[in-house]
Amino acid sequence: MLQPKRTKHRKEFRGNLRGLALRGSEVSNGEIGLQATQMGWLHQGQIESARKAIVRETKRKGKLWLK
């Protein structure tokens, strides 16, 4: 059966979500951090809306790092 060697957009492998996160669980910049309580994937729009809500709540007086 004929099939193209390369397509325009390949589907990426997402891996699996097993176990607890060992890296990135400590606050490295600043004093306060936001931690997820469940496993799952976050889309770019969800991260951006959370960033906007945090900036709005702090009234742009603090610094915000996304890791």
PDB file of N, CA and C in Angstrom:
ATOM      1  N   MET A   1       0.832  -1.177   0.000  1.00  0.00           N
ATOM      2  CA  MET A   1       0.000   0.000   0.000  1.00  0.00           C
ATOM      3  C   MET A   1       0.882   1.248   0.000  1.00  0.00           C
ATOM      4  N   LEU A   2       0.536   2.204  -0.810  1.00  0.00           N
ATOM      5  CA  LEU A   2       1.326   3.431  -0.910  1.00  0.00           C
ATOM      6  C   LEU A   2       0.996   4.375   0.243  1.00  0.00           C
ATOM      7  N   GLN A   3       2.028   4.964   0.772  1.00  0.00           N
ATOM      8  CA  GLN A   3       1.844   5.891   1.882  1.00  0.00           C
ATOM      9  C   GLN A   3       2.967   6.923   1.825  1.00  0.00           C
ATOM     10  N   PRO A   4       2.662   8.199   2.105  1.00  0.00           N
ATOM     11  CA  PRO A   4       3.731   9.205   2.040  1.00  0.00           C
ATOM     12  C   PRO A   4       4.761   9.001   3.148  1.00  0.00           C
ATOM     13  N   LYS A   5       6.027   9.318   2.828  1.00  0.00           N
ATOM     14  CA  LYS A   5       7.074   9.171   3.825  1.00  0.00           C
ATOM     15  C   LYS A   5       6.936  10.208   4.930  1.00  0.00           C
ATOM     16  N   ARG A   6       6.488  11.395   4.563  1.00  0.00           N
ATOM     17  CA  ARG A   6       6.399  12.481   5.535  1.00  0.00           C
ATOM     18  C   ARG A   6       5.100  13.234   5.303  1.00  0.00           C
ATOM     19  N   THR A   7       4.397  13.545   6.374  1.00  0.00           N
ATOM     20  CA  THR A   7       3.166  14.319   6.259  1.00  0.00           C
ATOM     21  C   THR A   7       3.408  15.711   6.826  1.00  0.00           C
ATOM     22  N   LYS A   8       2.462  16.614   6.619  1.00  0.00           N
ATOM     23  CA  LYS A   8       2.644  17.995   7.040  1.00  0.00           C
ATOM     24  C   LYS A   8       2.634  18.125   8.560  1.00  0.00           C
ATOM     25  N   HIS A   9       1.688  17.502   9.214  1.00  0.00           N
ATOM     26  CA  HIS A   9       1.597  17.560  10.670  1.00  0.00           C
ATOM     27  C   HIS A   9       1.544  16.139  11.212  1.00  0.00           C
ATOM     28  N   ARG A  10       2.600  15.726  11.885  1.00  0.00           N
ATOM     29  CA  ARG A  10       2.618  14.400  12.479  1.00  0.00           C
ATOM     30  C   ARG A  10       1.994  14.443  13.860  1.00  0.00           C
ATOM     31  N   LYS A  11       1.320  13.395  14.238  1.00  0.00           N
ATOM     32  CA  LYS A  11       0.739  13.310  15.574  1.00  0.00           C
ATOM     33  C   LYS A  11       1.853  12.980  16.563  1.00  0.00           C
ATOM     34  N   GLU A  12       1.955  13.789  17.614  1.00  0.00           N
ATOM     35  CA  GLU A  12       3.018  13.591  18.585  1.00  0.00           C
ATOM     36  C   GLU A  12       2.612  12.538  19.601  1.00  0.00           C
ATOM     37  N   PHE A  13       3.598  11.789  20.071  1.00  0.00           N
ATOM     38  CA  PHE A  13       3.362  10.845  21.142  1.00  0.00           C
ATOM     39  C   PHE A  13       3.312  11.611  22.455  1.00  0.00           C
ATOM     40  N   ARG A  14       2.309  11.370  23.263  1.00  0.00           N
ATOM     41  CA  ARG A  14       2.134  12.136  24.487  1.00  0.00           C
ATOM     42  C   ARG A  14       2.708  11.431  25.705  1.00  0.00           C
ATOM     43  N   GLY A  15       3.096  10.187  25.592  1.00  0.00           N
ATOM     44  CA  GLY A  15       3.639   9.476  26.740  1.00  0.00           C
ATOM     45  C   GLY A  15       2.539   9.078  27.705  1.00  0.00           C
ATOM     46  N   ASN A  16       2.932   8.783  28.936  1.00  0.00           N
ATOM     47  CA  ASN A  16       1.941   8.396  29.926  1.00  0.00           C
ATOM     48  C   ASN A  16       2.179   9.178  31.209  1.00  0.00           C
ATOM     49  N   LEU A  17       1.162   9.272  32.021  1.00  0.00           N
ATOM     50  CA  LEU A  17       1.228  10.014  33.279  1.00  0.00           C
ATOM     51  C   LEU A  17       1.199   8.996  34.420  1.00  0.00           C
ATOM     52  N   ARG A  18       2.370   8.574  34.837  1.00  0.00           N
ATOM     53  CA  ARG A  18       2.435   7.603  35.926  1.00  0.00           C
ATOM     54  C   ARG A  18       3.271   8.164  37.054  1.00  0.00           C
ATOM     55  N   GLY A  19       2.845   7.952  38.269  1.00  0.00           N
ATOM     56  CA  GLY A  19       3.649   8.332  39.431  1.00  0.00           C
ATOM     57  C   GLY A  19       3.565   9.804  39.763  1.00  0.00           C
ATOM     58  N   LEU A  20       4.338  10.197  40.761  1.00  0.00           N
ATOM     59  CA  LEU A  20       4.362  11.574  41.219  1.00  0.00           C
ATOM     60  C   LEU A  20       5.523  12.322  40.576  1.00  0.00           C
ATOM     61  N   ALA A  21       5.371  13.639  40.466  1.00  0.00           N
ATOM     62  CA  ALA A  21       6.429  14.462  39.897  1.00  0.00           C
ATOM     63  C   ALA A  21       7.532  14.640  40.930  1.00  0.00           C
ATOM     64  N   LEU A  22       8.737  14.317  40.552  1.00  0.00           N
ATOM     65  CA  LEU A  22       9.874  14.476  41.457  1.00  0.00           C
ATOM     66  C   LEU A  22      10.618  15.776  41.173  1.00  0.00           C
ATOM     67  N   ARG A  23      10.637  16.185  39.916  1.00  0.00           N
ATOM     68  CA  ARG A  23      11.321  17.423  39.565  1.00  0.00           C
ATOM     69  C   ARG A  23      10.303  18.542  39.413  1.00  0.00           C
ATOM     70  N   GLY A  24      10.726  19.749  39.727  1.00  0.00           N
ATOM     71  CA  GLY A  24       9.862  20.912  39.552  1.00  0.00           C
ATOM     72  C   GLY A  24       8.791  21.038  40.603  1.00  0.00           C
ATOM     73  N   SER A  25       8.935  20.384  41.749  1.00  0.00           N
ATOM     74  CA  SER A  25       7.904  20.458  42.772  1.00  0.00           C
ATOM     75  C   SER A  25       8.247  21.454  43.874  1.00  0.00           C
ATOM     76  N   GLU A  26       9.438  22.045  43.818  1.00  0.00           N
ATOM     77  CA  GLU A  26       9.835  23.039  44.811  1.00  0.00           C
ATOM     78  C   GLU A  26       9.818  24.423  44.177  1.00  0.00           C
ATOM     79  N   VAL A  27       9.551  25.439  44.986  1.00  0.00           N
ATOM     80  CA  VAL A  27       9.542  26.811  44.501  1.00  0.00           C
ATOM     81  C   VAL A  27      10.986  27.280  44.375  1.00  0.00           C
ATOM     82  N   SER A  28      11.402  27.577  43.149  1.00  0.00           N
ATOM     83  CA  SER A  28      12.781  27.991  42.921  1.00  0.00           C
ATOM     84  C   SER A  28      12.907  29.511  42.830  1.00  0.00           C
ATOM     85  N   ASN A  29      11.873  30.182  42.343  1.00  0.00           N
ATOM     86  CA  ASN A  29      11.877  31.640  42.236  1.00  0.00           C
ATOM     87  C   ASN A  29      10.731  32.182  43.072  1.00  0.00           C
ATOM     88  N   GLY A  30      10.994  33.167  43.915  1.00  0.00           N
ATOM     89  CA  GLY A  30       9.936  33.788  44.693  1.00  0.00           C
ATOM     90  C   GLY A  30       9.646  33.049  45.984  1.00  0.00           C
ATOM     91  N   GLU A  31       8.494  33.367  46.564  1.00  0.00           N
ATOM     92  CA  GLU A  31       8.130  32.824  47.871  1.00  0.00           C
ATOM     93  C   GLU A  31       6.887  31.945  47.830  1.00  0.00           C
ATOM     94  N   ILE A  32       5.987  32.208  46.895  1.00  0.00           N
ATOM     95  CA  ILE A  32       4.699  31.511  46.842  1.00  0.00           C
ATOM     96  C   ILE A  32       4.600  30.783  45.509  1.00  0.00           C
ATOM     97  N   GLY A  33       4.046  29.576  45.521  1.00  0.00           N
ATOM     98  CA  GLY A  33       3.890  28.814  44.298  1.00  0.00           C
ATOM     99  C   GLY A  33       2.495  28.244  44.161  1.00  0.00           C
ATOM    100  N   LEU A  34       2.139  27.879  42.961  1.00  0.00           N
ATOM    101  CA  LEU A  34       0.859  27.258  42.655  1.00  0.00           C
ATOM    102  C   LEU A  34       1.141  25.819  42.269  1.00  0.00           C
ATOM    103  N   GLN A  35       0.485  24.872  42.939  1.00  0.00           N
ATOM    104  CA  GLN A  35       0.764  23.455  42.720  1.00  0.00           C
ATOM    105  C   GLN A  35      -0.500  22.742  42.271  1.00  0.00           C
ATOM    106  N   ALA A  36      -0.353  21.850  41.305  1.00  0.00           N
ATOM    107  CA  ALA A  36      -1.475  21.060  40.817  1.00  0.00           C
ATOM    108  C   ALA A  36      -1.782  19.938  41.809  1.00  0.00           C
ATOM    109  N   THR A  37      -3.058  19.614  41.960  1.00  0.00           N
ATOM    110  CA  THR A  37      -3.460  18.559  42.878  1.00  0.00           C
ATOM    111  C   THR A  37      -3.750  17.247  42.160  1.00  0.00           C
ATOM    112  N   GLN A  38      -3.925  17.282  40.839  1.00  0.00           N
ATOM    113  CA  GLN A  38      -4.200  16.074  40.077  1.00  0.00           C
ATOM    114  C   GLN A  38      -3.304  16.035  38.852  1.00  0.00           C
ATOM    115  N   MET A  39      -3.122  14.826  38.319  1.00  0.00           N
ATOM    116  CA  MET A  39      -2.339  14.685  37.103  1.00  0.00           C
ATOM    117  C   MET A  39      -3.201  15.053  35.903  1.00  0.00           C
ATOM    118  N   GLY A  40      -2.558  15.540  34.865  1.00  0.00           N
ATOM    119  CA  GLY A  40      -3.264  15.851  33.638  1.00  0.00           C
ATOM    120  C   GLY A  40      -2.444  16.770  32.756  1.00  0.00           C
ATOM    121  N   TRP A  41      -2.954  16.996  31.545  1.00  0.00           N
ATOM    122  CA  TRP A  41      -2.289  17.860  30.590  1.00  0.00           C
ATOM    123  C   TRP A  41      -2.905  19.250  30.664  1.00  0.00           C
ATOM    124  N   LEU A  42      -2.091  20.259  30.482  1.00  0.00           N
ATOM    125  CA  LEU A  42      -2.565  21.638  30.409  1.00  0.00           C
ATOM    126  C   LEU A  42      -2.303  22.167  29.006  1.00  0.00           C
ATOM    127  N   HIS A  43      -3.294  22.840  28.453  1.00  0.00           N
ATOM    128  CA  HIS A  43      -3.137  23.456  27.148  1.00  0.00           C
ATOM    129  C   HIS A  43      -2.579  24.862  27.316  1.00  0.00           C
ATOM    130  N   GLN A  44      -2.125  25.423  26.235  1.00  0.00           N
ATOM    131  CA  GLN A  44      -1.533  26.752  26.261  1.00  0.00           C
ATOM    132  C   GLN A  44      -2.545  27.798  26.723  1.00  0.00           C
ATOM    133  N   GLY A  45      -3.795  27.679  26.304  1.00  0.00           N
ATOM    134  CA  GLY A  45      -4.821  28.640  26.698  1.00  0.00           C
ATOM    135  C   GLY A  45      -5.121  28.589  28.186  1.00  0.00           C
ATOM    136  N   GLN A  46      -5.063  27.386  28.783  1.00  0.00           N
ATOM    137  CA  GLN A  46      -5.308  27.256  30.217  1.00  0.00           C
ATOM    138  C   GLN A  46      -4.190  27.917  31.019  1.00  0.00           C
ATOM    139  N   ILE A  47      -2.946  27.749  30.579  1.00  0.00           N
ATOM    140  CA  ILE A  47      -1.823  28.372  31.275  1.00  0.00           C
ATOM    141  C   ILE A  47      -1.910  29.886  31.149  1.00  0.00           C
ATOM    142  N   GLU A  48      -2.278  30.378  29.969  1.00  0.00           N
ATOM    143  CA  GLU A  48      -2.371  31.817  29.753  1.00  0.00           C
ATOM    144  C   GLU A  48      -3.504  32.435  30.571  1.00  0.00           C
ATOM    145  N   SER A  49      -4.649  31.756  30.676  1.00  0.00           N
ATOM    146  CA  SER A  49      -5.755  32.298  31.467  1.00  0.00           C
ATOM    147  C   SER A  49      -5.417  32.294  32.953  1.00  0.00           C
ATOM    148  N   ALA A  50      -4.675  31.294  33.421  1.00  0.00           N
ATOM    149  CA  ALA A  50      -4.232  31.287  34.820  1.00  0.00           C
ATOM    150  C   ALA A  50      -3.249  32.418  35.070  1.00  0.00           C
ATOM    151  N   ARG A  51      -2.351  32.670  34.125  1.00  0.00           N
ATOM    152  CA  ARG A  51      -1.390  33.762  34.265  1.00  0.00           C
ATOM    153  C   ARG A  51      -2.093  35.108  34.337  1.00  0.00           C
ATOM    154  N   LYS A  52      -3.096  35.314  33.470  1.00  0.00           N
ATOM    155  CA  LYS A  52      -3.845  36.574  33.481  1.00  0.00           C
ATOM    156  C   LYS A  52      -4.590  36.764  34.785  1.00  0.00           C
ATOM    157  N   ALA A  53      -5.178  35.682  35.328  1.00  0.00           N
ATOM    158  CA  ALA A  53      -5.917  35.782  36.591  1.00  0.00           C
ATOM    159  C   ALA A  53      -4.974  36.122  37.745  1.00  0.00           C
ATOM    160  N   ILE A  54      -3.773  35.543  37.761  1.00  0.00           N
ATOM    161  CA  ILE A  54      -2.812  35.825  38.832  1.00  0.00           C
ATOM    162  C   ILE A  54      -2.334  37.267  38.740  1.00  0.00           C
ATOM    163  N   VAL A  55      -2.045  37.737  37.525  1.00  0.00           N
ATOM    164  CA  VAL A  55      -1.602  39.123  37.353  1.00  0.00           C
ATOM    165  C   VAL A  55      -2.704  40.089  37.767  1.00  0.00           C
ATOM    166  N   ARG A  56      -3.941  39.784  37.431  1.00  0.00           N
ATOM    167  CA  ARG A  56      -5.064  40.648  37.797  1.00  0.00           C
ATOM    168  C   ARG A  56      -5.255  40.675  39.313  1.00  0.00           C
ATOM    169  N   GLU A  57      -5.078  39.536  39.965  1.00  0.00           N
ATOM    170  CA  GLU A  57      -5.289  39.457  41.412  1.00  0.00           C
ATOM    171  C   GLU A  57      -4.186  40.186  42.179  1.00  0.00           C
ATOM    172  N   THR A  58      -2.953  40.106  41.691  1.00  0.00           N
ATOM    173  CA  THR A  58      -1.849  40.773  42.385  1.00  0.00           C
ATOM    174  C   THR A  58      -1.746  42.244  42.006  1.00  0.00           C
ATOM    175  N   LYS A  59      -2.575  42.700  41.098  1.00  0.00           N
ATOM    176  CA  LYS A  59      -2.605  44.092  40.644  1.00  0.00           C
ATOM    177  C   LYS A  59      -1.244  44.543  40.127  1.00  0.00           C
ATOM    178  N   ARG A  60      -0.552  43.625  39.451  1.00  0.00           N
ATOM    179  CA  ARG A  60       0.731  43.860  38.783  1.00  0.00           C
ATOM    180  C   ARG A  60       1.801  44.410  39.726  1.00  0.00           C
ATOM    181  N   LYS A  61       1.742  44.080  41.013  1.00  0.00           N
ATOM    182  CA  LYS A  61       2.749  44.545  41.956  1.00  0.00           C
ATOM    183  C   LYS A  61       3.806  43.485  42.227  1.00  0.00           C
ATOM    184  N   GLY A  62       3.586  42.277  41.805  1.00  0.00           N
ATOM    185  CA  GLY A  62       4.549  41.212  42.044  1.00  0.00           C
ATOM    186  C   GLY A  62       5.134  40.715  40.729  1.00  0.00           C
ATOM    187  N   LYS A  63       6.104  39.846  40.841  1.00  0.00           N
ATOM    188  CA  LYS A  63       6.702  39.227  39.659  1.00  0.00           C
ATOM    189  C   LYS A  63       6.136  37.815  39.512  1.00  0.00           C
ATOM    190  N   LEU A  64       6.028  37.363  38.299  1.00  0.00           N
ATOM    191  CA  LEU A  64       5.443  36.051  38.017  1.00  0.00           C
ATOM    192  C   LEU A  64       6.384  35.279  37.110  1.00  0.00           C
ATOM    193  N   TRP A  65       6.735  34.067  37.549  1.00  0.00           N
ATOM    194  CA  TRP A  65       7.569  33.165  36.747  1.00  0.00           C
ATOM    195  C   TRP A  65       6.750  31.944  36.396  1.00  0.00           C
ATOM    196  N   LEU A  66       6.831  31.535  35.146  1.00  0.00           N
ATOM    197  CA  LEU A  66       6.195  30.297  34.719  1.00  0.00           C
ATOM    198  C   LEU A  66       7.291  29.288  34.421  1.00  0.00           C
ATOM    199  N   LYS A  67       7.181  28.115  35.030  1.00  0.00           N
ATOM    200  CA  LYS A  67       8.195  27.096  34.835  1.00  0.00           C
ATOM    201  C   LYS A  67       7.579  25.911  34.116  1.00  0.00           C
TER     202      LYS A  67
END
